[in-house]
Each structure stands twice: as C-alpha cells, then as structure tokens.
Amino acid sequence: MCGACGSAGGTRDADAREVEDSPAARKRAQLALVSWGSRLFAPDHIRVREAPGTVRVLVVGPTGQGVLAQGADGVLDAVDRVGARTPDWTVVADRLRASRPGGDPDWAYRSLASAVARRREPAQ
C-alpha cells in the first residue's frame, strides 16, 4: 500500500502528501505518474500503464514482464525489475530534467525527481 489514500490503516507517504485525499485526485495523480513514467522510460522500451483502481500502475518491460507499482519509488523499483539492465539513474535524471515543464511542475514530476535523486545518492 502506498499510503496515498490513508485506507487500511496506512499513513500517507511523503510523496503523496500533496495529493488531495479523494478518488478523483488520486486518479489524476495516477494518470500523471503514468504519463511521466511512460515518457521517462520509453527509451528503455519500458511502458507504464494504468492499473485497476486509483493508485496503482503497471510497469511493463521489453520482454512483456509486468509489475504492479504504487507511487514514484514503486515505479522505479519496478523499472529495476523489468528492465533489460539496471538503469543508469544519472541518465534518467538528465532525461527528467530535459523534459521539465515550464512553470510549477506537477506532483508526479516532483515525486519522480525526488525518487530518482534518492537512487543517485551514494549508499552509506
């Protein structure tokens, strides 16, 4: 559970705190994550699609293997699992920066940027 909806006793995660706690807002956030994830990982032949419900997405790799994911960190974990090789997170960060929208970026962009930055930090 990602914690975005607060159901099942979960708490909202840090990336979901900007998403209004309503089905419509969660659906908009899901669609934004699908859109950004699809653009970001298209060069790696990885697709991000809607999954049933308003929180999850389906990440499908070049071999057709699919993994359900929730939130930005879940998408990146799924990309690790379904990709042909481990992503170069510096390249992913560069792609994300190059596609940054003008003005105030949306929730999905900010959460993906934060998740990618965490992947690039050296392990301690």
C-alpha atoms as a PDB file:
ATOM      1  CA  MET A   1       0.000   0.000   0.000  1.00  0.00           C
ATOM      2  CA  CYS A   2       1.393   3.381  -0.907  1.00  0.00           C
ATOM      3  CA  GLY A   3      -0.396   5.240   1.831  1.00  0.00           C
ATOM      4  CA  ALA A   4      -1.846   7.793  -0.588  1.00  0.00           C
ATOM      5  CA  CYS A   5      -5.446   7.122   0.302  1.00  0.00           C
ATOM      6  CA  GLY A   6      -4.990   6.513   4.012  1.00  0.00           C
ATOM      7  CA  SER A   7      -7.166   3.386   3.905  1.00  0.00           C
ATOM      8  CA  ALA A   8      -6.387   0.062   5.587  1.00  0.00           C
ATOM      9  CA  GLY A   9      -4.761   1.866   8.498  1.00  0.00           C
ATOM     10  CA  GLY A  10      -1.952   3.228   6.334  1.00  0.00           C
ATOM     11  CA  THR A  11      -0.446   6.651   6.601  1.00  0.00           C
ATOM     12  CA  ARG A  12       0.173   8.933   3.670  1.00  0.00           C
ATOM     13  CA  ASP A  13       3.720   8.751   2.357  1.00  0.00           C
ATOM     14  CA  ALA A  14       5.860  11.842   1.817  1.00  0.00           C
ATOM     15  CA  ASP A  15       5.289  11.938  -1.959  1.00  0.00           C
ATOM     16  CA  ALA A  16       1.509  11.560  -1.581  1.00  0.00           C
ATOM     17  CA  ARG A  17       1.022  14.415   0.881  1.00  0.00           C
ATOM     18  CA  GLU A  18       0.393  16.841  -1.997  1.00  0.00           C
ATOM     19  CA  VAL A  19      -2.399  14.687  -3.442  1.00  0.00           C
ATOM     20  CA  GLU A  20      -5.870  15.518  -2.192  1.00  0.00           C
ATOM     21  CA  ASP A  21      -7.450  12.535  -0.449  1.00  0.00           C
ATOM     22  CA  SER A  22     -10.286  11.901  -2.888  1.00  0.00           C
ATOM     23  CA  PRO A  23     -10.798   9.266  -5.591  1.00  0.00           C
ATOM     24  CA  ALA A  24     -10.725  11.873  -8.369  1.00  0.00           C
ATOM     25  CA  ALA A  25      -7.477  13.438  -7.130  1.00  0.00           C
ATOM     26  CA  ARG A  26      -5.838  10.026  -6.734  1.00  0.00           C
ATOM     27  CA  LYS A  27      -6.912   9.121 -10.281  1.00  0.00           C
ATOM     28  CA  ARG A  28      -5.392  12.361 -11.629  1.00  0.00           C
ATOM     29  CA  ALA A  29      -2.170  11.584  -9.749  1.00  0.00           C
ATOM     30  CA  GLN A  30      -2.159   8.037 -11.154  1.00  0.00           C
ATOM     31  CA  LEU A  31      -2.596   9.351 -14.715  1.00  0.00           C
ATOM     32  CA  ALA A  32       0.159  11.930 -14.214  1.00  0.00           C
ATOM     33  CA  LEU A  33       2.511   9.203 -12.960  1.00  0.00           C
ATOM     34  CA  VAL A  34       1.618   7.056 -15.994  1.00  0.00           C
ATOM     35  CA  SER A  35       2.313   9.975 -18.327  1.00  0.00           C
ATOM     36  CA  TRP A  36       5.660  10.927 -16.776  1.00  0.00           C
ATOM     37  CA  GLY A  37       6.798   7.326 -16.324  1.00  0.00           C
ATOM     38  CA  SER A  38       5.948   6.475 -19.928  1.00  0.00           C
ATOM     39  CA  ARG A  39       7.922   9.427 -21.277  1.00  0.00           C
ATOM     40  CA  LEU A  40      10.835   8.889 -18.928  1.00  0.00           C
ATOM     41  CA  PHE A  41      11.363   5.186 -19.657  1.00  0.00           C
ATOM     42  CA  ALA A  42      10.285   4.992 -23.326  1.00  0.00           C
ATOM     43  CA  PRO A  43      13.953   4.957 -24.493  1.00  0.00           C
ATOM     44  CA  ASP A  44      14.402   1.779 -22.401  1.00  0.00           C
ATOM     45  CA  HIS A  45      11.303   0.192 -24.016  1.00  0.00           C
ATOM     46  CA  ILE A  46       9.505   0.207 -20.674  1.00  0.00           C
ATOM     47  CA  ARG A  47       5.842   1.170 -20.593  1.00  0.00           C
ATOM     48  CA  VAL A  48       3.869   2.487 -17.651  1.00  0.00           C
ATOM     49  CA  ARG A  49       0.115   1.908 -17.818  1.00  0.00           C
ATOM     50  CA  GLU A  50      -2.942   2.413 -15.669  1.00  0.00           C
ATOM     51  CA  ALA A  51      -3.864  -0.463 -13.388  1.00  0.00           C
ATOM     52  CA  PRO A  52      -7.248  -1.101 -11.787  1.00  0.00           C
ATOM     53  CA  GLY A  53      -8.057   1.323  -9.015  1.00  0.00           C
ATOM     54  CA  THR A  54      -6.822   4.838  -8.470  1.00  0.00           C
ATOM     55  CA  VAL A  55      -3.368   4.327  -7.036  1.00  0.00           C
ATOM     56  CA  ARG A  56      -1.512   1.546  -8.838  1.00  0.00           C
ATOM     57  CA  VAL A  57       0.247   1.497 -12.205  1.00  0.00           C
ATOM     58  CA  LEU A  58       1.514  -1.398 -14.312  1.00  0.00           C
ATOM     59  CA  VAL A  59       5.158  -1.217 -15.415  1.00  0.00           C
ATOM     60  CA  VAL A  60       5.870  -3.453 -18.432  1.00  0.00           C
ATOM     61  CA  GLY A  61       9.398  -4.215 -19.608  1.00  0.00           C
ATOM     62  CA  PRO A  62      10.720  -5.006 -23.091  1.00  0.00           C
ATOM     63  CA  THR A  63      10.106  -8.751 -22.595  1.00  0.00           C
ATOM     64  CA  GLY A  64       6.473  -8.219 -21.626  1.00  0.00           C
ATOM     65  CA  GLN A  65       7.015  -8.871 -17.927  1.00  0.00           C
ATOM     66  CA  GLY A  66       4.762  -6.614 -15.879  1.00  0.00           C
ATOM     67  CA  VAL A  67       4.915  -5.451 -12.276  1.00  0.00           C
ATOM     68  CA  LEU A  68       2.259  -3.556 -10.339  1.00  0.00           C
ATOM     69  CA  ALA A  69       3.642  -0.474  -8.611  1.00  0.00           C
ATOM     70  CA  GLN A  70       2.430   2.332  -6.385  1.00  0.00           C
ATOM     71  CA  GLY A  71       3.985   5.769  -6.201  1.00  0.00           C
ATOM     72  CA  ALA A  72       7.222   7.075  -7.680  1.00  0.00           C
ATOM     73  CA  ASP A  73       9.517   4.785  -5.683  1.00  0.00           C
ATOM     74  CA  GLY A  74       7.372   1.802  -6.648  1.00  0.00           C
ATOM     75  CA  VAL A  75       7.669   2.710 -10.333  1.00  0.00           C
ATOM     76  CA  LEU A  76      11.454   2.946 -10.065  1.00  0.00           C
ATOM     77  CA  ASP A  77      11.630  -0.386  -8.207  1.00  0.00           C
ATOM     78  CA  ALA A  78       9.508  -1.958 -10.952  1.00  0.00           C
ATOM     79  CA  VAL A  79      11.757  -0.487 -13.666  1.00  0.00           C
ATOM     80  CA  ASP A  80      14.702  -2.168 -11.909  1.00  0.00           C
ATOM     81  CA  ARG A  81      12.848  -5.486 -12.037  1.00  0.00           C
ATOM     82  CA  VAL A  82      11.505  -5.460 -15.602  1.00  0.00           C
ATOM     83  CA  GLY A  83      14.274  -3.611 -17.429  1.00  0.00           C
ATOM     84  CA  ALA A  84      16.829  -5.369 -19.597  1.00  0.00           C
ATOM     85  CA  ARG A  85      19.568  -3.873 -17.404  1.00  0.00           C
ATOM     86  CA  THR A  86      19.899  -1.755 -14.296  1.00  0.00           C
ATOM     87  CA  PRO A  87      19.035   1.830 -15.225  1.00  0.00           C
ATOM     88  CA  ASP A  88      21.725   4.482 -15.139  1.00  0.00           C
ATOM     89  CA  TRP A  89      19.951   6.833 -12.737  1.00  0.00           C
ATOM     90  CA  THR A  90      22.141   9.765 -13.828  1.00  0.00           C
ATOM     91  CA  VAL A  91      20.844   9.356 -17.384  1.00  0.00           C
ATOM     92  CA  VAL A  92      17.281   9.044 -16.079  1.00  0.00           C
ATOM     93  CA  ALA A  93      17.759  12.237 -14.034  1.00  0.00           C
ATOM     94  CA  ASP A  94      19.056  14.025 -17.139  1.00  0.00           C
ATOM     95  CA  ARG A  95      16.029  12.872 -19.164  1.00  0.00           C
ATOM     96  CA  LEU A  96      13.705  14.059 -16.429  1.00  0.00           C
ATOM     97  CA  ARG A  97      15.403  17.455 -16.211  1.00  0.00           C
ATOM     98  CA  ALA A  98      15.264  17.845 -20.005  1.00  0.00           C
ATOM     99  CA  SER A  99      11.522  17.192 -20.022  1.00  0.00           C
ATOM    100  CA  ARG A 100      10.723  19.507 -17.126  1.00  0.00           C
ATOM    101  CA  PRO A 101       7.649  21.589 -17.843  1.00  0.00           C
ATOM    102  CA  GLY A 102       7.701  25.354 -17.663  1.00  0.00           C
ATOM    103  CA  GLY A 103       6.281  26.915 -14.533  1.00  0.00           C
ATOM    104  CA  ASP A 104       5.496  24.924 -11.416  1.00  0.00           C
ATOM    105  CA  PRO A 105       5.982  21.196 -12.128  1.00  0.00           C
ATOM    106  CA  ASP A 106       3.171  18.840 -11.144  1.00  0.00           C
ATOM    107  CA  TRP A 107       3.164  16.320  -8.298  1.00  0.00           C
ATOM    108  CA  ALA A 108       4.273  13.391 -10.469  1.00  0.00           C
ATOM    109  CA  TYR A 109       7.314  15.269 -11.795  1.00  0.00           C
ATOM    110  CA  ARG A 110       8.378  16.368  -8.318  1.00  0.00           C
ATOM    111  CA  SER A 111       7.902  12.916  -6.793  1.00  0.00           C
ATOM    112  CA  LEU A 112       9.795  11.193  -9.624  1.00  0.00           C
ATOM    113  CA  ALA A 113      12.609  13.754  -9.411  1.00  0.00           C
ATOM    114  CA  SER A 114      12.861  13.157  -5.671  1.00  0.00           C
ATOM    115  CA  ALA A 115      12.826   9.360  -6.083  1.00  0.00           C
ATOM    116  CA  VAL A 116      15.483   9.444  -8.828  1.00  0.00           C
ATOM    117  CA  ALA A 117      17.656  11.732  -6.693  1.00  0.00           C
ATOM    118  CA  ARG A 118      17.463   9.199  -3.843  1.00  0.00           C
ATOM    119  CA  ARG A 119      18.660   6.479  -6.251  1.00  0.00           C
ATOM    120  CA  ARG A 120      21.650   8.596  -7.269  1.00  0.00           C
ATOM    121  CA  GLU A 121      22.790   9.255  -3.684  1.00  0.00           C
ATOM    122  CA  PRO A 122      25.765   7.155  -2.640  1.00  0.00           C
ATOM    123  CA  ALA A 123      24.960   4.267  -0.309  1.00  0.00           C
ATOM    124  CA  GLN A 124      26.079   4.878   3.258  1.00  0.00           C
END
